Amino acid sequence: MTPSERPVRSPCVNVCALDDDDVCTGCQRTVAEITRWSRMDNEERRSVLALCHERAKSSGLVWMLPARR
């Protein structure tokens, strides 16, 4: 992280409940991702956020609209 770069914020929404796969139903992070978050650099945090987004799409929590033509 460069000195001027701010830390990537946690996706936590204070809805902390794990599903059967140990993924938080609020933020879509795994237990391992949650516990490691404070030790991750921004690049790793962005990668985790991308995984969270994919998990949310797969579970139907995020709907993707078709691209405008």
PDB file of N, CA and C in Angstrom:
ATOM      1  N   MET A   1       0.853  -1.169   0.000  1.00  0.00           N
ATOM      2  CA  MET A   1       0.000   0.000   0.000  1.00  0.00           C
ATOM      3  C   MET A   1       0.900   1.233   0.000  1.00  0.00           C
ATOM      4  N   THR A   2       0.624   2.164  -0.883  1.00  0.00           N
ATOM      5  CA  THR A   2       1.411   3.385  -0.931  1.00  0.00           C
ATOM      6  C   THR A   2       1.011   4.281   0.238  1.00  0.00           C
ATOM      7  N   PRO A   3       1.896   5.186   0.651  1.00  0.00           N
ATOM      8  CA  PRO A   3       1.590   6.032   1.805  1.00  0.00           C
ATOM      9  C   PRO A   3       0.300   6.847   1.648  1.00  0.00           C
ATOM     10  N   SER A   4      -0.049   7.236   0.418  1.00  0.00           N
ATOM     11  CA  SER A   4      -1.244   8.045   0.213  1.00  0.00           C
ATOM     12  C   SER A   4      -2.510   7.209   0.000  1.00  0.00           C
ATOM     13  N   GLU A   5      -2.337   5.914  -0.159  1.00  0.00           N
ATOM     14  CA  GLU A   5      -3.483   5.048  -0.412  1.00  0.00           C
ATOM     15  C   GLU A   5      -4.169   4.680   0.904  1.00  0.00           C
ATOM     16  N   ARG A   6      -5.488   4.815   0.914  1.00  0.00           N
ATOM     17  CA  ARG A   6      -6.258   4.449   2.097  1.00  0.00           C
ATOM     18  C   ARG A   6      -6.541   2.948   2.081  1.00  0.00           C
ATOM     19  N   PRO A   7      -6.688   2.362   3.264  1.00  0.00           N
ATOM     20  CA  PRO A   7      -7.030   0.941   3.312  1.00  0.00           C
ATOM     21  C   PRO A   7      -8.414   0.694   2.700  1.00  0.00           C
ATOM     22  N   VAL A   8      -8.541  -0.391   1.970  1.00  0.00           N
ATOM     23  CA  VAL A   8      -9.840  -0.793   1.426  1.00  0.00           C
ATOM     24  C   VAL A   8     -10.726  -1.158   2.609  1.00  0.00           C
ATOM     25  N   ARG A   9     -11.918  -0.596   2.641  1.00  0.00           N
ATOM     26  CA  ARG A   9     -12.829  -0.807   3.760  1.00  0.00           C
ATOM     27  C   ARG A   9     -13.416  -2.208   3.758  1.00  0.00           C
ATOM     28  N   SER A  10     -13.712  -2.666   4.934  1.00  0.00           N
ATOM     29  CA  SER A  10     -14.340  -3.967   5.116  1.00  0.00           C
ATOM     30  C   SER A  10     -15.760  -3.947   4.544  1.00  0.00           C
ATOM     31  N   PRO A  11     -16.191  -5.047   3.938  1.00  0.00           N
ATOM     32  CA  PRO A  11     -17.558  -5.115   3.418  1.00  0.00           C
ATOM     33  C   PRO A  11     -18.588  -5.478   4.492  1.00  0.00           C
ATOM     34  N   CYS A  12     -18.163  -5.547   5.743  1.00  0.00           N
ATOM     35  CA  CYS A  12     -19.059  -5.953   6.833  1.00  0.00           C
ATOM     36  C   CYS A  12     -20.275  -5.028   6.897  1.00  0.00           C
ATOM     37  N   VAL A  13     -21.458  -5.637   6.999  1.00  0.00           N
ATOM     38  CA  VAL A  13     -22.709  -4.881   7.120  1.00  0.00           C
ATOM     39  C   VAL A  13     -23.406  -5.202   8.443  1.00  0.00           C
ATOM     40  N   ASN A  14     -22.660  -5.773   9.382  1.00  0.00           N
ATOM     41  CA  ASN A  14     -23.171  -6.112  10.716  1.00  0.00           C
ATOM     42  C   ASN A  14     -24.349  -7.078  10.680  1.00  0.00           C
ATOM     43  N   VAL A  15     -24.350  -7.956   9.700  1.00  0.00           N
ATOM     44  CA  VAL A  15     -25.305  -9.064   9.625  1.00  0.00           C
ATOM     45  C   VAL A  15     -24.432 -10.316   9.631  1.00  0.00           C
ATOM     46  N   CYS A  16     -24.005 -10.697  10.812  1.00  0.00           N
ATOM     47  CA  CYS A  16     -23.006 -11.753  10.944  1.00  0.00           C
ATOM     48  C   CYS A  16     -23.666 -13.101  11.234  1.00  0.00           C
ATOM     49  N   ALA A  17     -23.786 -13.887  10.192  1.00  0.00           N
ATOM     50  CA  ALA A  17     -24.332 -15.235  10.321  1.00  0.00           C
ATOM     51  C   ALA A  17     -23.699 -16.079   9.235  1.00  0.00           C
ATOM     52  N   LEU A  18     -23.229 -17.244   9.614  1.00  0.00           N
ATOM     53  CA  LEU A  18     -22.563 -18.119   8.648  1.00  0.00           C
ATOM     54  C   LEU A  18     -23.558 -19.111   8.059  1.00  0.00           C
ATOM     55  N   ASP A  19     -23.412 -19.358   6.750  1.00  0.00           N
ATOM     56  CA  ASP A  19     -24.240 -20.378   6.110  1.00  0.00           C
ATOM     57  C   ASP A  19     -23.566 -21.738   6.268  1.00  0.00           C
ATOM     58  N   ASP A  20     -24.108 -22.733   5.615  1.00  0.00           N
ATOM     59  CA  ASP A  20     -23.569 -24.094   5.732  1.00  0.00           C
ATOM     60  C   ASP A  20     -22.152 -24.232   5.186  1.00  0.00           C
ATOM     61  N   ASP A  21     -21.737 -23.299   4.328  1.00  0.00           N
ATOM     62  CA  ASP A  21     -20.387 -23.321   3.758  1.00  0.00           C
ATOM     63  C   ASP A  21     -19.430 -22.408   4.510  1.00  0.00           C
ATOM     64  N   ASP A  22     -19.846 -21.934   5.689  1.00  0.00           N
ATOM     65  CA  ASP A  22     -19.050 -20.996   6.492  1.00  0.00           C
ATOM     66  C   ASP A  22     -18.759 -19.693   5.752  1.00  0.00           C
ATOM     67  N   VAL A  23     -19.752 -19.211   5.025  1.00  0.00           N
ATOM     68  CA  VAL A  23     -19.679 -17.910   4.357  1.00  0.00           C
ATOM     69  C   VAL A  23     -20.676 -17.003   5.061  1.00  0.00           C
ATOM     70  N   CYS A  24     -20.247 -15.796   5.393  1.00  0.00           N
ATOM     71  CA  CYS A  24     -21.122 -14.849   6.074  1.00  0.00           C
ATOM     72  C   CYS A  24     -22.250 -14.428   5.138  1.00  0.00           C
ATOM     73  N   THR A  25     -23.480 -14.487   5.628  1.00  0.00           N
ATOM     74  CA  THR A  25     -24.629 -14.122   4.798  1.00  0.00           C
ATOM     75  C   THR A  25     -24.728 -12.606   4.618  1.00  0.00           C
ATOM     76  N   GLY A  26     -24.032 -11.845   5.441  1.00  0.00           N
ATOM     77  CA  GLY A  26     -24.052 -10.392   5.310  1.00  0.00           C
ATOM     78  C   GLY A  26     -23.053  -9.874   4.296  1.00  0.00           C
ATOM     79  N   CYS A  27     -21.790 -10.232   4.460  1.00  0.00           N
ATOM     80  CA  CYS A  27     -20.735  -9.679   3.596  1.00  0.00           C
ATOM     81  C   CYS A  27     -20.230 -10.647   2.533  1.00  0.00           C
ATOM     82  N   GLN A  28     -20.601 -11.907   2.630  1.00  0.00           N
ATOM     83  CA  GLN A  28     -20.199 -12.935   1.670  1.00  0.00           C
ATOM     84  C   GLN A  28     -18.724 -13.331   1.760  1.00  0.00           C
ATOM     85  N   ARG A  29     -18.070 -13.009   2.886  1.00  0.00           N
ATOM     86  CA  ARG A  29     -16.692 -13.459   3.076  1.00  0.00           C
ATOM     87  C   ARG A  29     -16.687 -14.792   3.817  1.00  0.00           C
ATOM     88  N   THR A  30     -15.651 -15.587   3.566  1.00  0.00           N
ATOM     89  CA  THR A  30     -15.462 -16.820   4.312  1.00  0.00           C
ATOM     90  C   THR A  30     -14.906 -16.477   5.692  1.00  0.00           C
ATOM     91  N   VAL A  31     -14.953 -17.450   6.595  1.00  0.00           N
ATOM     92  CA  VAL A  31     -14.386 -17.239   7.929  1.00  0.00           C
ATOM     93  C   VAL A  31     -12.910 -16.876   7.813  1.00  0.00           C
ATOM     94  N   ALA A  32     -12.183 -17.565   6.959  1.00  0.00           N
ATOM     95  CA  ALA A  32     -10.752 -17.289   6.784  1.00  0.00           C
ATOM     96  C   ALA A  32     -10.527 -15.862   6.280  1.00  0.00           C
ATOM     97  N   GLU A  33     -11.356 -15.408   5.353  1.00  0.00           N
ATOM     98  CA  GLU A  33     -11.214 -14.048   4.822  1.00  0.00           C
ATOM     99  C   GLU A  33     -11.521 -13.005   5.893  1.00  0.00           C
ATOM    100  N   ILE A  34     -12.522 -13.276   6.705  1.00  0.00           N
ATOM    101  CA  ILE A  34     -12.882 -12.344   7.779  1.00  0.00           C
ATOM    102  C   ILE A  34     -11.745 -12.227   8.792  1.00  0.00           C
ATOM    103  N   THR A  35     -11.200 -13.361   9.197  1.00  0.00           N
ATOM    104  CA  THR A  35     -10.161 -13.334  10.228  1.00  0.00           C
ATOM    105  C   THR A  35      -8.839 -12.766   9.711  1.00  0.00           C
ATOM    106  N   ARG A  36      -8.578 -12.893   8.413  1.00  0.00           N
ATOM    107  CA  ARG A  36      -7.341 -12.363   7.838  1.00  0.00           C
ATOM    108  C   ARG A  36      -7.439 -10.911   7.380  1.00  0.00           C
ATOM    109  N   TRP A  37      -8.645 -10.364   7.291  1.00  0.00           N
ATOM    110  CA  TRP A  37      -8.863  -9.051   6.675  1.00  0.00           C
ATOM    111  C   TRP A  37      -7.898  -7.981   7.201  1.00  0.00           C
ATOM    112  N   SER A  38      -7.718  -7.889   8.483  1.00  0.00           N
ATOM    113  CA  SER A  38      -6.883  -6.821   9.047  1.00  0.00           C
ATOM    114  C   SER A  38      -5.412  -6.967   8.668  1.00  0.00           C
ATOM    115  N   ARG A  39      -5.005  -8.136   8.233  1.00  0.00           N
ATOM    116  CA  ARG A  39      -3.609  -8.369   7.839  1.00  0.00           C
ATOM    117  C   ARG A  39      -3.415  -8.377   6.326  1.00  0.00           C
ATOM    118  N   MET A  40      -4.478  -8.168   5.563  1.00  0.00           N
ATOM    119  CA  MET A  40      -4.386  -8.165   4.098  1.00  0.00           C
ATOM    120  C   MET A  40      -3.951  -6.798   3.598  1.00  0.00           C
ATOM    121  N   ASP A  41      -3.212  -6.808   2.472  1.00  0.00           N
ATOM    122  CA  ASP A  41      -2.932  -5.536   1.812  1.00  0.00           C
ATOM    123  C   ASP A  41      -4.124  -5.210   0.897  1.00  0.00           C
ATOM    124  N   ASN A  42      -4.117  -4.024   0.331  1.00  0.00           N
ATOM    125  CA  ASN A  42      -5.256  -3.592  -0.476  1.00  0.00           C
ATOM    126  C   ASN A  42      -5.489  -4.467  -1.704  1.00  0.00           C
ATOM    127  N   GLU A  43      -4.438  -4.962  -2.297  1.00  0.00           N
ATOM    128  CA  GLU A  43      -4.595  -5.830  -3.467  1.00  0.00           C
ATOM    129  C   GLU A  43      -5.361  -7.105  -3.092  1.00  0.00           C
ATOM    130  N   GLU A  44      -4.980  -7.706  -1.972  1.00  0.00           N
ATOM    131  CA  GLU A  44      -5.659  -8.918  -1.522  1.00  0.00           C
ATOM    132  C   GLU A  44      -7.104  -8.607  -1.122  1.00  0.00           C
ATOM    133  N   ARG A  45      -7.318  -7.465  -0.487  1.00  0.00           N
ATOM    134  CA  ARG A  45      -8.679  -7.076  -0.106  1.00  0.00           C
ATOM    135  C   ARG A  45      -9.565  -6.899  -1.336  1.00  0.00           C
ATOM    136  N   ARG A  46      -9.033  -6.285  -2.376  1.00  0.00           N
ATOM    137  CA  ARG A  46      -9.819  -6.126  -3.613  1.00  0.00           C
ATOM    138  C   ARG A  46     -10.156  -7.481  -4.236  1.00  0.00           C
ATOM    139  N   SER A  47      -9.230  -8.401  -4.161  1.00  0.00           N
ATOM    140  CA  SER A  47      -9.489  -9.753  -4.676  1.00  0.00           C
ATOM    141  C   SER A  47     -10.607 -10.421  -3.892  1.00  0.00           C
ATOM    142  N   VAL A  48     -10.584 -10.256  -2.574  1.00  0.00           N
ATOM    143  CA  VAL A  48     -11.636 -10.829  -1.731  1.00  0.00           C
ATOM    144  C   VAL A  48     -12.981 -10.174  -2.058  1.00  0.00           C
ATOM    145  N   LEU A  49     -12.996  -8.863  -2.247  1.00  0.00           N
ATOM    146  CA  LEU A  49     -14.248  -8.176  -2.595  1.00  0.00           C
ATOM    147  C   LEU A  49     -14.816  -8.700  -3.909  1.00  0.00           C
ATOM    148  N   ALA A  50     -13.950  -8.987  -4.867  1.00  0.00           N
ATOM    149  CA  ALA A  50     -14.413  -9.549  -6.141  1.00  0.00           C
ATOM    150  C   ALA A  50     -15.031 -10.931  -5.908  1.00  0.00           C
ATOM    151  N   LEU A  51     -14.408 -11.741  -5.058  1.00  0.00           N
ATOM    152  CA  LEU A  51     -14.966 -13.056  -4.726  1.00  0.00           C
ATOM    153  C   LEU A  51     -16.314 -12.901  -4.025  1.00  0.00           C
ATOM    154  N   CYS A  52     -16.410 -11.930  -3.123  1.00  0.00           N
ATOM    155  CA  CYS A  52     -17.677 -11.679  -2.416  1.00  0.00           C
ATOM    156  C   CYS A  52     -18.778 -11.323  -3.408  1.00  0.00           C
ATOM    157  N   HIS A  53     -18.440 -10.505  -4.381  1.00  0.00           N
ATOM    158  CA  HIS A  53     -19.422 -10.105  -5.390  1.00  0.00           C
ATOM    159  C   HIS A  53     -19.886 -11.317  -6.196  1.00  0.00           C
ATOM    160  N   GLU A  54     -18.957 -12.170  -6.580  1.00  0.00           N
ATOM    161  CA  GLU A  54     -19.316 -13.379  -7.319  1.00  0.00           C
ATOM    162  C   GLU A  54     -20.189 -14.303  -6.471  1.00  0.00           C
ATOM    163  N   ARG A  55     -19.856 -14.428  -5.191  1.00  0.00           N
ATOM    164  CA  ARG A  55     -20.684 -15.257  -4.304  1.00  0.00           C
ATOM    165  C   ARG A  55     -22.092 -14.681  -4.180  1.00  0.00           C
ATOM    166  N   ALA A  56     -22.185 -13.364  -4.073  1.00  0.00           N
ATOM    167  CA  ALA A  56     -23.494 -12.719  -3.959  1.00  0.00           C
ATOM    168  C   ALA A  56     -24.312 -12.923  -5.231  1.00  0.00           C
ATOM    169  N   LYS A  57     -23.665 -12.834  -6.393  1.00  0.00           N
ATOM    170  CA  LYS A  57     -24.369 -13.077  -7.653  1.00  0.00           C
ATOM    171  C   LYS A  57     -24.844 -14.528  -7.724  1.00  0.00           C
ATOM    172  N   SER A  58     -23.970 -15.455  -7.356  1.00  0.00           N
ATOM    173  CA  SER A  58     -24.310 -16.882  -7.418  1.00  0.00           C
ATOM    174  C   SER A  58     -25.464 -17.245  -6.496  1.00  0.00           C
ATOM    175  N   SER A  59     -25.546 -16.560  -5.369  1.00  0.00           N
ATOM    176  CA  SER A  59     -26.595 -16.878  -4.409  1.00  0.00           C
ATOM    177  C   SER A  59     -27.884 -16.103  -4.670  1.00  0.00           C
ATOM    178  N   GLY A  60     -27.867 -15.218  -5.666  1.00  0.00           N
ATOM    179  CA  GLY A  60     -29.060 -14.443  -5.987  1.00  0.00           C
ATOM    180  C   GLY A  60     -29.221 -13.180  -5.162  1.00  0.00           C
ATOM    181  N   LEU A  61     -28.211 -12.839  -4.361  1.00  0.00           N
ATOM    182  CA  LEU A  61     -28.290 -11.611  -3.564  1.00  0.00           C
ATOM    183  C   LEU A  61     -28.065 -10.364  -4.397  1.00  0.00           C
ATOM    184  N   VAL A  62     -27.364 -10.515  -5.500  1.00  0.00           N
ATOM    185  CA  VAL A  62     -27.105  -9.392  -6.407  1.00  0.00           C
ATOM    186  C   VAL A  62     -27.642  -9.783  -7.763  1.00  0.00           C
ATOM    187  N   TRP A  63     -28.473  -8.950  -8.309  1.00  0.00           N
ATOM    188  CA  TRP A  63     -29.001  -9.201  -9.649  1.00  0.00           C
ATOM    189  C   TRP A  63     -28.214  -8.373 -10.634  1.00  0.00           C
ATOM    190  N   MET A  64     -27.837  -8.990 -11.714  1.00  0.00           N
ATOM    191  CA  MET A  64     -27.095  -8.278 -12.748  1.00  0.00           C
ATOM    192  C   MET A  64     -28.056  -7.954 -13.892  1.00  0.00           C
ATOM    193  N   LEU A  65     -28.113  -6.693 -14.235  1.00  0.00           N
ATOM    194  CA  LEU A  65     -28.948  -6.281 -15.353  1.00  0.00           C
ATOM    195  C   LEU A  65     -28.165  -6.464 -16.632  1.00  0.00           C
ATOM    196  N   PRO A  66     -28.853  -6.808 -17.730  1.00  0.00           N
ATOM    197  CA  PRO A  66     -28.138  -6.945 -18.993  1.00  0.00           C
ATOM    198  C   PRO A  66     -27.553  -5.611 -19.421  1.00  0.00           C
ATOM    199  N   ALA A  67     -26.455  -5.674 -20.130  1.00  0.00           N
ATOM    200  CA  ALA A  67     -25.799  -4.455 -20.614  1.00  0.00           C
ATOM    201  C   ALA A  67     -26.724  -3.701 -21.552  1.00  0.00           C
ATOM    202  N   ARG A  68     -26.678  -2.393 -21.470  1.00  0.00           N
ATOM    203  CA  ARG A  68     -27.497  -1.564 -22.372  1.00  0.00           C
ATOM    204  C   ARG A  68     -26.890  -1.609 -23.758  1.00  0.00           C
ATOM    205  N   ARG A  69     -27.760  -1.638 -24.733  1.00  0.00           N
ATOM    206  CA  ARG A  69     -27.287  -1.683 -26.132  1.00  0.00           C
ATOM    207  C   ARG A  69     -27.506  -0.359 -26.790  1.00  0.00           C
TER     208      ARG A  69
END
